[in-house]
Amino acid sequence: MKSAEIQRDRLRPVTSRGNALVKALRQAATRGEASDDGWVALEGVRLVEEALRSGLRLRAIFFRESAAAVAKRLLPQVSAKTEALLLPDEVFAGASGKENPQGVAALAEPRRS
């Protein structure tokens, strides 16, 4: 099986705005604070890459359908324990809280000081 096929198999398609993880992302992104269960939203390639490099624990990573190149680049760096979701562009845009979303977002556990 080719790498691209493995990555595509790893992405779980979610089309509903009512999905619990999509709701948690929207809540954290639009409020600008942690979700009710303590996860923070990260949006954009640079923020997500930095979170991965620094070892932050991700609950879920979200890719919009039109950002296949971003998914191909980032997914190999994401723990197998992290849920990876593929969202239609309009669902992603509604959940990310950004006017011009970059195509990747994540729910991360903030570091405790």
PDB file of N, CA and C in Angstrom:
ATOM      1  N   MET A   1       0.844  -1.188   0.000  1.00  0.00           N
ATOM      2  CA  MET A   1       0.000   0.000   0.000  1.00  0.00           C
ATOM      3  C   MET A   1       0.884   1.245   0.000  1.00  0.00           C
ATOM      4  N   LYS A   2       0.587   2.212  -0.826  1.00  0.00           N
ATOM      5  CA  LYS A   2       1.374   3.426  -0.940  1.00  0.00           C
ATOM      6  C   LYS A   2       1.116   4.359   0.234  1.00  0.00           C
ATOM      7  N   SER A   3       2.075   5.244   0.477  1.00  0.00           N
ATOM      8  CA  SER A   3       1.970   6.196   1.583  1.00  0.00           C
ATOM      9  C   SER A   3       0.709   7.042   1.503  1.00  0.00           C
ATOM     10  N   ALA A   4       0.368   7.535   0.307  1.00  0.00           N
ATOM     11  CA  ALA A   4      -0.832   8.370   0.145  1.00  0.00           C
ATOM     12  C   ALA A   4      -2.092   7.593   0.494  1.00  0.00           C
ATOM     13  N   GLU A   5      -2.117   6.301   0.149  1.00  0.00           N
ATOM     14  CA  GLU A   5      -3.283   5.471   0.481  1.00  0.00           C
ATOM     15  C   GLU A   5      -3.388   5.266   1.985  1.00  0.00           C
ATOM     16  N   ILE A   6      -2.252   5.050   2.631  1.00  0.00           N
ATOM     17  CA  ILE A   6      -2.250   4.876   4.082  1.00  0.00           C
ATOM     18  C   ILE A   6      -2.766   6.145   4.748  1.00  0.00           C
ATOM     19  N   GLN A   7      -2.296   7.289   4.287  1.00  0.00           N
ATOM     20  CA  GLN A   7      -2.743   8.549   4.864  1.00  0.00           C
ATOM     21  C   GLN A   7      -4.233   8.742   4.643  1.00  0.00           C
ATOM     22  N   ARG A   8      -4.716   8.429   3.450  1.00  0.00           N
ATOM     23  CA  ARG A   8      -6.143   8.590   3.154  1.00  0.00           C
ATOM     24  C   ARG A   8      -6.958   7.649   4.038  1.00  0.00           C
ATOM     25  N   ASP A   9      -6.444   6.453   4.261  1.00  0.00           N
ATOM     26  CA  ASP A   9      -7.139   5.502   5.134  1.00  0.00           C
ATOM     27  C   ASP A   9      -7.172   5.999   6.576  1.00  0.00           C
ATOM     28  N   ARG A  10      -6.168   6.731   6.974  1.00  0.00           N
ATOM     29  CA  ARG A  10      -6.085   7.231   8.347  1.00  0.00           C
ATOM     30  C   ARG A  10      -7.063   8.370   8.599  1.00  0.00           C
ATOM     31  N   LEU A  11      -7.407   9.131   7.571  1.00  0.00           N
ATOM     32  CA  LEU A  11      -8.325  10.255   7.720  1.00  0.00           C
ATOM     33  C   LEU A  11      -9.763   9.764   7.764  1.00  0.00           C
ATOM     34  N   ARG A  12     -10.464  10.148   8.814  1.00  0.00           N
ATOM     35  CA  ARG A  12     -11.871   9.767   8.934  1.00  0.00           C
ATOM     36  C   ARG A  12     -12.729  10.901   8.395  1.00  0.00           C
ATOM     37  N   PRO A  13     -13.503  10.636   7.335  1.00  0.00           N
ATOM     38  CA  PRO A  13     -14.366  11.685   6.806  1.00  0.00           C
ATOM     39  C   PRO A  13     -15.491  12.016   7.786  1.00  0.00           C
ATOM     40  N   VAL A  14     -15.697  13.285   8.036  1.00  0.00           N
ATOM     41  CA  VAL A  14     -16.789  13.762   8.895  1.00  0.00           C
ATOM     42  C   VAL A  14     -17.477  14.879   8.128  1.00  0.00           C
ATOM     43  N   THR A  15     -18.773  14.720   7.900  1.00  0.00           N
ATOM     44  CA  THR A  15     -19.507  15.728   7.129  1.00  0.00           C
ATOM     45  C   THR A  15     -20.473  16.541   7.986  1.00  0.00           C
ATOM     46  N   SER A  16     -20.647  16.153   9.235  1.00  0.00           N
ATOM     47  CA  SER A  16     -21.634  16.809  10.091  1.00  0.00           C
ATOM     48  C   SER A  16     -21.026  17.896  10.961  1.00  0.00           C
ATOM     49  N   ARG A  17     -21.667  19.041  10.973  1.00  0.00           N
ATOM     50  CA  ARG A  17     -21.265  20.125  11.877  1.00  0.00           C
ATOM     51  C   ARG A  17     -21.561  19.743  13.331  1.00  0.00           C
ATOM     52  N   GLY A  18     -22.424  18.747  13.520  1.00  0.00           N
ATOM     53  CA  GLY A  18     -22.819  18.312  14.852  1.00  0.00           C
ATOM     54  C   GLY A  18     -21.897  17.278  15.471  1.00  0.00           C
ATOM     55  N   ASN A  19     -20.855  16.857  14.769  1.00  0.00           N
ATOM     56  CA  ASN A  19     -19.891  15.905  15.317  1.00  0.00           C
ATOM     57  C   ASN A  19     -19.273  16.506  16.583  1.00  0.00           C
ATOM     58  N   ALA A  20     -19.083  15.696  17.611  1.00  0.00           N
ATOM     59  CA  ALA A  20     -18.595  16.196  18.901  1.00  0.00           C
ATOM     60  C   ALA A  20     -17.229  16.872  18.790  1.00  0.00           C
ATOM     61  N   LEU A  21     -16.318  16.329  17.991  1.00  0.00           N
ATOM     62  CA  LEU A  21     -15.003  16.946  17.850  1.00  0.00           C
ATOM     63  C   LEU A  21     -15.076  18.257  17.066  1.00  0.00           C
ATOM     64  N   VAL A  22     -15.915  18.295  16.052  1.00  0.00           N
ATOM     65  CA  VAL A  22     -16.104  19.531  15.277  1.00  0.00           C
ATOM     66  C   VAL A  22     -16.688  20.610  16.194  1.00  0.00           C
ATOM     67  N   LYS A  23     -17.636  20.235  17.026  1.00  0.00           N
ATOM     68  CA  LYS A  23     -18.225  21.190  17.977  1.00  0.00           C
ATOM     69  C   LYS A  23     -17.181  21.705  18.963  1.00  0.00           C
ATOM     70  N   ALA A  24     -16.332  20.797  19.462  1.00  0.00           N
ATOM     71  CA  ALA A  24     -15.289  21.199  20.412  1.00  0.00           C
ATOM     72  C   ALA A  24     -14.307  22.168  19.756  1.00  0.00           C
ATOM     73  N   LEU A  25     -13.942  21.914  18.499  1.00  0.00           N
ATOM     74  CA  LEU A  25     -13.055  22.824  17.777  1.00  0.00           C
ATOM     75  C   LEU A  25     -13.715  24.186  17.614  1.00  0.00           C
ATOM     76  N   ARG A  26     -14.956  24.199  17.184  1.00  0.00           N
ATOM     77  CA  ARG A  26     -15.678  25.467  16.989  1.00  0.00           C
ATOM     78  C   ARG A  26     -15.761  26.241  18.304  1.00  0.00           C
ATOM     79  N   GLN A  27     -16.082  25.546  19.393  1.00  0.00           N
ATOM     80  CA  GLN A  27     -16.204  26.197  20.696  1.00  0.00           C
ATOM     81  C   GLN A  27     -14.874  26.827  21.117  1.00  0.00           C
ATOM     82  N   ALA A  28     -13.792  26.072  21.010  1.00  0.00           N
ATOM     83  CA  ALA A  28     -12.490  26.586  21.427  1.00  0.00           C
ATOM     84  C   ALA A  28     -11.999  27.701  20.494  1.00  0.00           C
ATOM     85  N   ALA A  29     -12.252  27.557  19.201  1.00  0.00           N
ATOM     86  CA  ALA A  29     -11.772  28.554  18.233  1.00  0.00           C
ATOM     87  C   ALA A  29     -12.546  29.857  18.321  1.00  0.00           C
ATOM     88  N   THR A  30     -13.848  29.791  18.472  1.00  0.00           N
ATOM     89  CA  THR A  30     -14.636  31.025  18.465  1.00  0.00           C
ATOM     90  C   THR A  30     -14.556  31.758  19.800  1.00  0.00           C
ATOM     91  N   ARG A  31     -14.389  31.048  20.870  1.00  0.00           N
ATOM     92  CA  ARG A  31     -14.261  31.693  22.185  1.00  0.00           C
ATOM     93  C   ARG A  31     -12.865  32.243  22.424  1.00  0.00           C
ATOM     94  N   GLY A  32     -11.875  31.633  21.770  1.00  0.00           N
ATOM     95  CA  GLY A  32     -10.499  32.025  22.021  1.00  0.00           C
ATOM     96  C   GLY A  32      -9.994  31.534  23.364  1.00  0.00           C
ATOM     97  N   GLU A  33     -10.629  30.514  23.879  1.00  0.00           N
ATOM     98  CA  GLU A  33     -10.226  29.918  25.159  1.00  0.00           C
ATOM     99  C   GLU A  33     -10.452  28.427  25.073  1.00  0.00           C
ATOM    100  N   ALA A  34     -10.033  27.710  26.082  1.00  0.00           N
ATOM    101  CA  ALA A  34     -10.160  26.253  26.085  1.00  0.00           C
ATOM    102  C   ALA A  34     -11.626  25.831  26.004  1.00  0.00           C
ATOM    103  N   SER A  35     -11.842  24.675  25.384  1.00  0.00           N
ATOM    104  CA  SER A  35     -13.182  24.107  25.323  1.00  0.00           C
ATOM    105  C   SER A  35     -13.595  23.682  26.728  1.00  0.00           C
ATOM    106  N   ASP A  36     -14.835  23.298  26.895  1.00  0.00           N
ATOM    107  CA  ASP A  36     -15.333  22.894  28.211  1.00  0.00           C
ATOM    108  C   ASP A  36     -14.506  21.761  28.818  1.00  0.00           C
ATOM    109  N   ASP A  37     -13.923  20.908  27.946  1.00  0.00           N
ATOM    110  CA  ASP A  37     -13.122  19.795  28.470  1.00  0.00           C
ATOM    111  C   ASP A  37     -11.623  20.093  28.451  1.00  0.00           C
ATOM    112  N   GLY A  38     -11.236  21.370  28.271  1.00  0.00           N
ATOM    113  CA  GLY A  38      -9.851  21.775  28.478  1.00  0.00           C
ATOM    114  C   GLY A  38      -8.926  21.790  27.276  1.00  0.00           C
ATOM    115  N   TRP A  39      -9.429  21.596  26.071  1.00  0.00           N
ATOM    116  CA  TRP A  39      -8.592  21.581  24.880  1.00  0.00           C
ATOM    117  C   TRP A  39      -8.592  22.957  24.222  1.00  0.00           C
ATOM    118  N   VAL A  40      -7.457  23.346  23.653  1.00  0.00           N
ATOM    119  CA  VAL A  40      -7.361  24.623  22.949  1.00  0.00           C
ATOM    120  C   VAL A  40      -7.293  24.365  21.446  1.00  0.00           C
ATOM    121  N   ALA A  41      -7.789  25.329  20.684  1.00  0.00           N
ATOM    122  CA  ALA A  41      -7.781  25.221  19.227  1.00  0.00           C
ATOM    123  C   ALA A  41      -6.513  25.841  18.666  1.00  0.00           C
ATOM    124  N   LEU A  42      -5.932  25.152  17.722  1.00  0.00           N
ATOM    125  CA  LEU A  42      -4.802  25.668  16.952  1.00  0.00           C
ATOM    126  C   LEU A  42      -5.245  25.678  15.504  1.00  0.00           C
ATOM    127  N   GLU A  43      -4.979  26.769  14.800  1.00  0.00           N
ATOM    128  CA  GLU A  43      -5.373  26.830  13.391  1.00  0.00           C
ATOM    129  C   GLU A  43      -4.203  27.345  12.582  1.00  0.00           C
ATOM    130  N   GLY A  44      -3.899  26.638  11.515  1.00  0.00           N
ATOM    131  CA  GLY A  44      -2.834  27.044  10.618  1.00  0.00           C
ATOM    132  C   GLY A  44      -1.661  26.093  10.655  1.00  0.00           C
ATOM    133  N   VAL A  45      -0.983  26.052   9.540  1.00  0.00           N
ATOM    134  CA  VAL A  45       0.126  25.115   9.372  1.00  0.00           C
ATOM    135  C   VAL A  45       1.234  25.370  10.390  1.00  0.00           C
ATOM    136  N   ARG A  46       1.643  26.615  10.542  1.00  0.00           N
ATOM    137  CA  ARG A  46       2.767  26.907  11.459  1.00  0.00           C
ATOM    138  C   ARG A  46       2.464  26.550  12.905  1.00  0.00           C
ATOM    139  N   LEU A  47       1.274  26.901  13.375  1.00  0.00           N
ATOM    140  CA  LEU A  47       0.928  26.574  14.767  1.00  0.00           C
ATOM    141  C   LEU A  47       0.862  25.068  14.998  1.00  0.00           C
ATOM    142  N   VAL A  48       0.254  24.352  14.063  1.00  0.00           N
ATOM    143  CA  VAL A  48       0.137  22.904  14.221  1.00  0.00           C
ATOM    144  C   VAL A  48       1.513  22.250  14.125  1.00  0.00           C
ATOM    145  N   GLU A  49       2.347  22.700  13.193  1.00  0.00           N
ATOM    146  CA  GLU A  49       3.707  22.153  13.097  1.00  0.00           C
ATOM    147  C   GLU A  49       4.493  22.394  14.380  1.00  0.00           C
ATOM    148  N   GLU A  50       4.385  23.585  14.939  1.00  0.00           N
ATOM    149  CA  GLU A  50       5.092  23.892  16.176  1.00  0.00           C
ATOM    150  C   GLU A  50       4.577  23.028  17.331  1.00  0.00           C
ATOM    151  N   ALA A  51       3.281  22.810  17.390  1.00  0.00           N
ATOM    152  CA  ALA A  51       2.716  21.945  18.437  1.00  0.00           C
ATOM    153  C   ALA A  51       3.264  20.519  18.303  1.00  0.00           C
ATOM    154  N   LEU A  52       3.344  20.035  17.077  1.00  0.00           N
ATOM    155  CA  LEU A  52       3.890  18.687  16.848  1.00  0.00           C
ATOM    156  C   LEU A  52       5.357  18.623  17.248  1.00  0.00           C
ATOM    157  N   ARG A  53       6.139  19.632  16.852  1.00  0.00           N
ATOM    158  CA  ARG A  53       7.576  19.654  17.189  1.00  0.00           C
ATOM    159  C   ARG A  53       7.806  19.729  18.690  1.00  0.00           C
ATOM    160  N   SER A  54       6.947  20.467  19.380  1.00  0.00           N
ATOM    161  CA  SER A  54       7.145  20.645  20.822  1.00  0.00           C
ATOM    162  C   SER A  54       6.545  19.514  21.653  1.00  0.00           C
ATOM    163  N   GLY A  55       5.904  18.574  20.987  1.00  0.00           N
ATOM    164  CA  GLY A  55       5.389  17.411  21.708  1.00  0.00           C
ATOM    165  C   GLY A  55       4.061  17.621  22.412  1.00  0.00           C
ATOM    166  N   LEU A  56       3.315  18.659  22.055  1.00  0.00           N
ATOM    167  CA  LEU A  56       1.985  18.829  22.650  1.00  0.00           C
ATOM    168  C   LEU A  56       1.102  17.650  22.276  1.00  0.00           C
ATOM    169  N   ARG A  57       0.286  17.233  23.203  1.00  0.00           N
ATOM    170  CA  ARG A  57      -0.641  16.137  22.930  1.00  0.00           C
ATOM    171  C   ARG A  57      -1.844  16.690  22.177  1.00  0.00           C
ATOM    172  N   LEU A  58      -2.134  16.079  21.034  1.00  0.00           N
ATOM    173  CA  LEU A  58      -3.288  16.476  20.242  1.00  0.00           C
ATOM    174  C   LEU A  58      -4.419  15.495  20.458  1.00  0.00           C
ATOM    175  N   ARG A  59      -5.589  16.025  20.676  1.00  0.00           N
ATOM    176  CA  ARG A  59      -6.791  15.182  20.766  1.00  0.00           C
ATOM    177  C   ARG A  59      -7.249  14.806  19.368  1.00  0.00           C
ATOM    178  N   ALA A  60      -7.228  15.795  18.469  1.00  0.00           N
ATOM    179  CA  ALA A  60      -7.664  15.566  17.091  1.00  0.00           C
ATOM    180  C   ALA A  60      -6.999  16.581  16.186  1.00  0.00           C
ATOM    181  N   ILE A  61      -6.822  16.189  14.932  1.00  0.00           N
ATOM    182  CA  ILE A  61      -6.338  17.095  13.904  1.00  0.00           C
ATOM    183  C   ILE A  61      -7.355  17.070  12.774  1.00  0.00           C
ATOM    184  N   PHE A  62      -7.632  18.244  12.227  1.00  0.00           N
ATOM    185  CA  PHE A  62      -8.680  18.414  11.222  1.00  0.00           C
ATOM    186  C   PHE A  62      -8.060  18.962   9.947  1.00  0.00           C
ATOM    187  N   PHE A  63      -8.417  18.370   8.828  1.00  0.00           N
ATOM    188  CA  PHE A  63      -7.978  18.860   7.529  1.00  0.00           C
ATOM    189  C   PHE A  63      -9.205  19.138   6.685  1.00  0.00           C
ATOM    190  N   ARG A  64      -9.168  20.229   5.932  1.00  0.00           N
ATOM    191  CA  ARG A  64     -10.260  20.456   4.984  1.00  0.00           C
ATOM    192  C   ARG A  64      -9.913  19.705   3.703  1.00  0.00           C
ATOM    193  N   GLU A  65     -10.946  19.311   2.980  1.00  0.00           N
ATOM    194  CA  GLU A  65     -10.760  18.479   1.797  1.00  0.00           C
ATOM    195  C   GLU A  65      -9.821  19.103   0.775  1.00  0.00           C
ATOM    196  N   SER A  66      -9.867  20.409   0.610  1.00  0.00           N
ATOM    197  CA  SER A  66      -9.032  21.051  -0.405  1.00  0.00           C
ATOM    198  C   SER A  66      -7.581  21.231   0.030  1.00  0.00           C
ATOM    199  N   ALA A  67      -7.228  20.798   1.213  1.00  0.00           N
ATOM    200  CA  ALA A  67      -5.862  20.939   1.723  1.00  0.00           C
ATOM    201  C   ALA A  67      -5.136  19.600   1.748  1.00  0.00           C
ATOM    202  N   ALA A  68      -5.275  18.827   0.682  1.00  0.00           N
ATOM    203  CA  ALA A  68      -4.664  17.496   0.625  1.00  0.00           C
ATOM    204  C   ALA A  68      -3.144  17.558   0.773  1.00  0.00           C
ATOM    205  N   ALA A  69      -2.521  18.570   0.213  1.00  0.00           N
ATOM    206  CA  ALA A  69      -1.055  18.683   0.303  1.00  0.00           C
ATOM    207  C   ALA A  69      -0.613  18.901   1.752  1.00  0.00           C
ATOM    208  N   VAL A  70      -1.390  19.671   2.499  1.00  0.00           N
ATOM    209  CA  VAL A  70      -1.075  19.909   3.913  1.00  0.00           C
ATOM    210  C   VAL A  70      -1.224  18.606   4.691  1.00  0.00           C
ATOM    211  N   ALA A  71      -2.293  17.872   4.435  1.00  0.00           N
ATOM    212  CA  ALA A  71      -2.506  16.592   5.117  1.00  0.00           C
ATOM    213  C   ALA A  71      -1.374  15.619   4.799  1.00  0.00           C
ATOM    214  N   LYS A  72      -0.978  15.560   3.561  1.00  0.00           N
ATOM    215  CA  LYS A  72       0.090  14.650   3.140  1.00  0.00           C
ATOM    216  C   LYS A  72       1.389  14.970   3.876  1.00  0.00           C
ATOM    217  N   ARG A  73       1.665  16.256   4.083  1.00  0.00           N
ATOM    218  CA  ARG A  73       2.896  16.662   4.753  1.00  0.00           C
ATOM    219  C   ARG A  73       2.850  16.460   6.268  1.00  0.00           C
ATOM    220  N   LEU A  74       1.705  16.751   6.892  1.00  0.00           N
ATOM    221  CA  LEU A  74       1.637  16.723   8.354  1.00  0.00           C
ATOM    222  C   LEU A  74       1.267  15.371   8.952  1.00  0.00           C
ATOM    223  N   LEU A  75       0.431  14.628   8.280  1.00  0.00           N
ATOM    224  CA  LEU A  75      -0.096  13.399   8.870  1.00  0.00           C
ATOM    225  C   LEU A  75       0.974  12.404   9.321  1.00  0.00           C
ATOM    226  N   PRO A  76       2.088  12.246   8.604  1.00  0.00           N
ATOM    227  CA  PRO A  76       3.118  11.326   9.086  1.00  0.00           C
ATOM    228  C   PRO A  76       3.725  11.740  10.432  1.00  0.00           C
ATOM    229  N   GLN A  77       3.593  12.999  10.805  1.00  0.00           N
ATOM    230  CA  GLN A  77       4.151  13.496  12.063  1.00  0.00           C
ATOM    231  C   GLN A  77       3.184  13.342  13.244  1.00  0.00           C
ATOM    232  N   VAL A  78       1.941  12.974  12.946  1.00  0.00           N
ATOM    233  CA  VAL A  78       0.884  12.935  13.961  1.00  0.00           C
ATOM    234  C   VAL A  78       0.807  11.537  14.575  1.00  0.00           C
ATOM    235  N   SER A  79       0.729  11.488  15.895  1.00  0.00           N
ATOM    236  CA  SER A  79       0.620  10.227  16.613  1.00  0.00           C
ATOM    237  C   SER A  79      -0.572   9.410  16.120  1.00  0.00           C
ATOM    238  N   ALA A  80      -0.403   8.107  16.092  1.00  0.00           N
ATOM    239  CA  ALA A  80      -1.496   7.211  15.700  1.00  0.00           C
ATOM    240  C   ALA A  80      -2.654   7.291  16.687  1.00  0.00           C
ATOM    241  N   LYS A  81      -2.405   7.797  17.889  1.00  0.00           N
ATOM    242  CA  LYS A  81      -3.460   7.927  18.899  1.00  0.00           C
ATOM    243  C   LYS A  81      -4.343   9.156  18.672  1.00  0.00           C
ATOM    244  N   THR A  82      -3.893  10.051  17.812  1.00  0.00           N
ATOM    245  CA  THR A  82      -4.632  11.273  17.528  1.00  0.00           C
ATOM    246  C   THR A  82      -5.640  11.016  16.422  1.00  0.00           C
ATOM    247  N   GLU A  83      -6.875  11.396  16.653  1.00  0.00           N
ATOM    248  CA  GLU A  83      -7.889  11.252  15.604  1.00  0.00           C
ATOM    249  C   GLU A  83      -7.588  12.239  14.489  1.00  0.00           C
ATOM    250  N   ALA A  84      -7.670  11.772  13.258  1.00  0.00           N
ATOM    251  CA  ALA A  84      -7.429  12.618  12.089  1.00  0.00           C
ATOM    252  C   ALA A  84      -8.712  12.669  11.281  1.00  0.00           C
ATOM    253  N   LEU A  85      -9.266  13.861  11.138  1.00  0.00           N
ATOM    254  CA  LEU A  85     -10.556  14.023  10.473  1.00  0.00           C
ATOM    255  C   LEU A  85     -10.419  14.834   9.194  1.00  0.00           C
ATOM    256  N   LEU A  86     -11.167  14.437   8.200  1.00  0.00           N
ATOM    257  CA  LEU A  86     -11.230  15.133   6.924  1.00  0.00           C
ATOM    258  C   LEU A  86     -12.609  15.766   6.807  1.00  0.00           C
ATOM    259  N   LEU A  87     -12.649  17.091   6.700  1.00  0.00           N
ATOM    260  CA  LEU A  87     -13.918  17.820   6.690  1.00  0.00           C
ATOM    261  C   LEU A  87     -14.155  18.485   5.343  1.00  0.00           C
ATOM    262  N   PRO A  88     -15.409  18.535   4.907  1.00  0.00           N
ATOM    263  CA  PRO A  88     -15.715  19.362   3.734  1.00  0.00           C
ATOM    264  C   PRO A  88     -15.296  20.803   4.025  1.00  0.00           C
ATOM    265  N   ASP A  89     -14.902  21.535   2.991  1.00  0.00           N
ATOM    266  CA  ASP A  89     -14.400  22.896   3.181  1.00  0.00           C
ATOM    267  C   ASP A  89     -15.352  23.776   3.987  1.00  0.00           C
ATOM    268  N   GLU A  90     -16.661  23.681   3.706  1.00  0.00           N
ATOM    269  CA  GLU A  90     -17.612  24.553   4.412  1.00  0.00           C
ATOM    270  C   GLU A  90     -17.751  24.177   5.887  1.00  0.00           C
ATOM    271  N   VAL A  91     -17.639  22.914   6.224  1.00  0.00           N
ATOM    272  CA  VAL A  91     -17.697  22.485   7.631  1.00  0.00           C
ATOM    273  C   VAL A  91     -16.432  22.948   8.340  1.00  0.00           C
ATOM    274  N   PHE A  92     -15.282  22.791   7.679  1.00  0.00           N
ATOM    275  CA  PHE A  92     -14.017  23.239   8.263  1.00  0.00           C
ATOM    276  C   PHE A  92     -14.052  24.742   8.524  1.00  0.00           C
ATOM    277  N   ALA A  93     -14.507  25.514   7.543  1.00  0.00           N
ATOM    278  CA  ALA A  93     -14.556  26.967   7.686  1.00  0.00           C
ATOM    279  C   ALA A  93     -15.440  27.375   8.865  1.00  0.00           C
ATOM    280  N   GLY A  94     -16.561  26.703   9.053  1.00  0.00           N
ATOM    281  CA  GLY A  94     -17.455  27.015  10.159  1.00  0.00           C
ATOM    282  C   GLY A  94     -16.891  26.650  11.516  1.00  0.00           C
ATOM    283  N   ALA A  95     -15.998  25.671  11.552  1.00  0.00           N
ATOM    284  CA  ALA A  95     -15.445  25.198  12.823  1.00  0.00           C
ATOM    285  C   ALA A  95     -14.153  25.907  13.207  1.00  0.00           C
ATOM    286  N   SER A  96     -13.417  26.425  12.226  1.00  0.00           N
ATOM    287  CA  SER A  96     -12.086  26.960  12.526  1.00  0.00           C
ATOM    288  C   SER A  96     -12.119  28.341  13.173  1.00  0.00           C
ATOM    289  N   GLY A  97     -13.182  29.084  12.960  1.00  0.00           N
ATOM    290  CA  GLY A  97     -13.263  30.415  13.554  1.00  0.00           C
ATOM    291  C   GLY A  97     -12.439  31.463  12.833  1.00  0.00           C
ATOM    292  N   LYS A  98     -11.870  31.127  11.690  1.00  0.00           N
ATOM    293  CA  LYS A  98     -11.046  32.065  10.914  1.00  0.00           C
ATOM    294  C   LYS A  98     -11.766  32.449   9.633  1.00  0.00           C
ATOM    295  N   GLU A  99     -11.519  33.673   9.180  1.00  0.00           N
ATOM    296  CA  GLU A  99     -12.124  34.122   7.932  1.00  0.00           C
ATOM    297  C   GLU A  99     -11.533  33.397   6.727  1.00  0.00           C
ATOM    298  N   ASN A 100     -10.227  33.185   6.740  1.00  0.00           N
ATOM    299  CA  ASN A 100      -9.532  32.503   5.651  1.00  0.00           C
ATOM    300  C   ASN A 100      -8.719  31.345   6.223  1.00  0.00           C
ATOM    301  N   PRO A 101      -9.375  30.237   6.567  1.00  0.00           N
ATOM    302  CA  PRO A 101      -8.656  29.124   7.190  1.00  0.00           C
ATOM    303  C   PRO A 101      -7.617  28.515   6.251  1.00  0.00           C
ATOM    304  N   GLN A 102      -6.508  28.062   6.838  1.00  0.00           N
ATOM    305  CA  GLN A 102      -5.394  27.499   6.076  1.00  0.00           C
ATOM    306  C   GLN A 102      -5.566  26.033   5.713  1.00  0.00           C
ATOM    307  N   GLY A 103      -6.529  25.379   6.293  1.00  0.00           N
ATOM    308  CA  GLY A 103      -6.768  23.991   5.919  1.00  0.00           C
ATOM    309  C   GLY A 103      -6.385  22.964   6.951  1.00  0.00           C
ATOM    310  N   VAL A 104      -5.810  23.389   8.055  1.00  0.00           N
ATOM    311  CA  VAL A 104      -5.495  22.461   9.136  1.00  0.00           C
ATOM    312  C   VAL A 104      -5.770  23.144  10.469  1.00  0.00           C
ATOM    313  N   ALA A 105      -6.331  22.374  11.379  1.00  0.00           N
ATOM    314  CA  ALA A 105      -6.590  22.842  12.739  1.00  0.00           C
ATOM    315  C   ALA A 105      -6.431  21.641  13.661  1.00  0.00           C
ATOM    316  N   ALA A 106      -6.269  21.917  14.938  1.00  0.00           N
ATOM    317  CA  ALA A 106      -6.114  20.824  15.902  1.00  0.00           C
ATOM    318  C   ALA A 106      -6.677  21.252  17.244  1.00  0.00           C
ATOM    319  N   LEU A 107      -7.038  20.248  18.019  1.00  0.00           N
ATOM    320  CA  LEU A 107      -7.366  20.446  19.426  1.00  0.00           C
ATOM    321  C   LEU A 107      -6.171  19.916  20.218  1.00  0.00           C
ATOM    322  N   ALA A 108      -5.564  20.774  21.016  1.00  0.00           N
ATOM    323  CA  ALA A 108      -4.352  20.415  21.751  1.00  0.00           C
ATOM    324  C   ALA A 108      -4.560  20.587  23.237  1.00  0.00           C
ATOM    325  N   GLU A 109      -3.821  19.799  23.994  1.00  0.00           N
ATOM    326  CA  GLU A 109      -3.839  19.922  25.440  1.00  0.00           C
ATOM    327  C   GLU A 109      -2.786  20.957  25.846  1.00  0.00           C
ATOM    328  N   PRO A 110      -3.199  22.047  26.473  1.00  0.00           N
ATOM    329  CA  PRO A 110      -2.212  23.063  26.852  1.00  0.00           C
ATOM    330  C   PRO A 110      -1.253  22.522  27.914  1.00  0.00           C
ATOM    331  N   ARG A 111      -0.044  23.008  27.884  1.00  0.00           N
ATOM    332  CA  ARG A 111       0.944  22.620  28.896  1.00  0.00           C
ATOM    333  C   ARG A 111       0.559  23.238  30.232  1.00  0.00           C
ATOM    334  N   ARG A 112       0.692  22.469  31.254  1.00  0.00           N
ATOM    335  CA  ARG A 112       0.427  22.961  32.615  1.00  0.00           C
ATOM    336  C   ARG A 112       1.734  23.477  33.188  1.00  0.00           C
ATOM    337  N   SER A 113       1.690  24.644  33.795  1.00  0.00           N
ATOM    338  CA  SER A 113       2.933  25.183  34.364  1.00  0.00           C
ATOM    339  C   SER A 113       3.076  24.846  35.820  1.00  0.00           C
TER     340      SER A 113
END
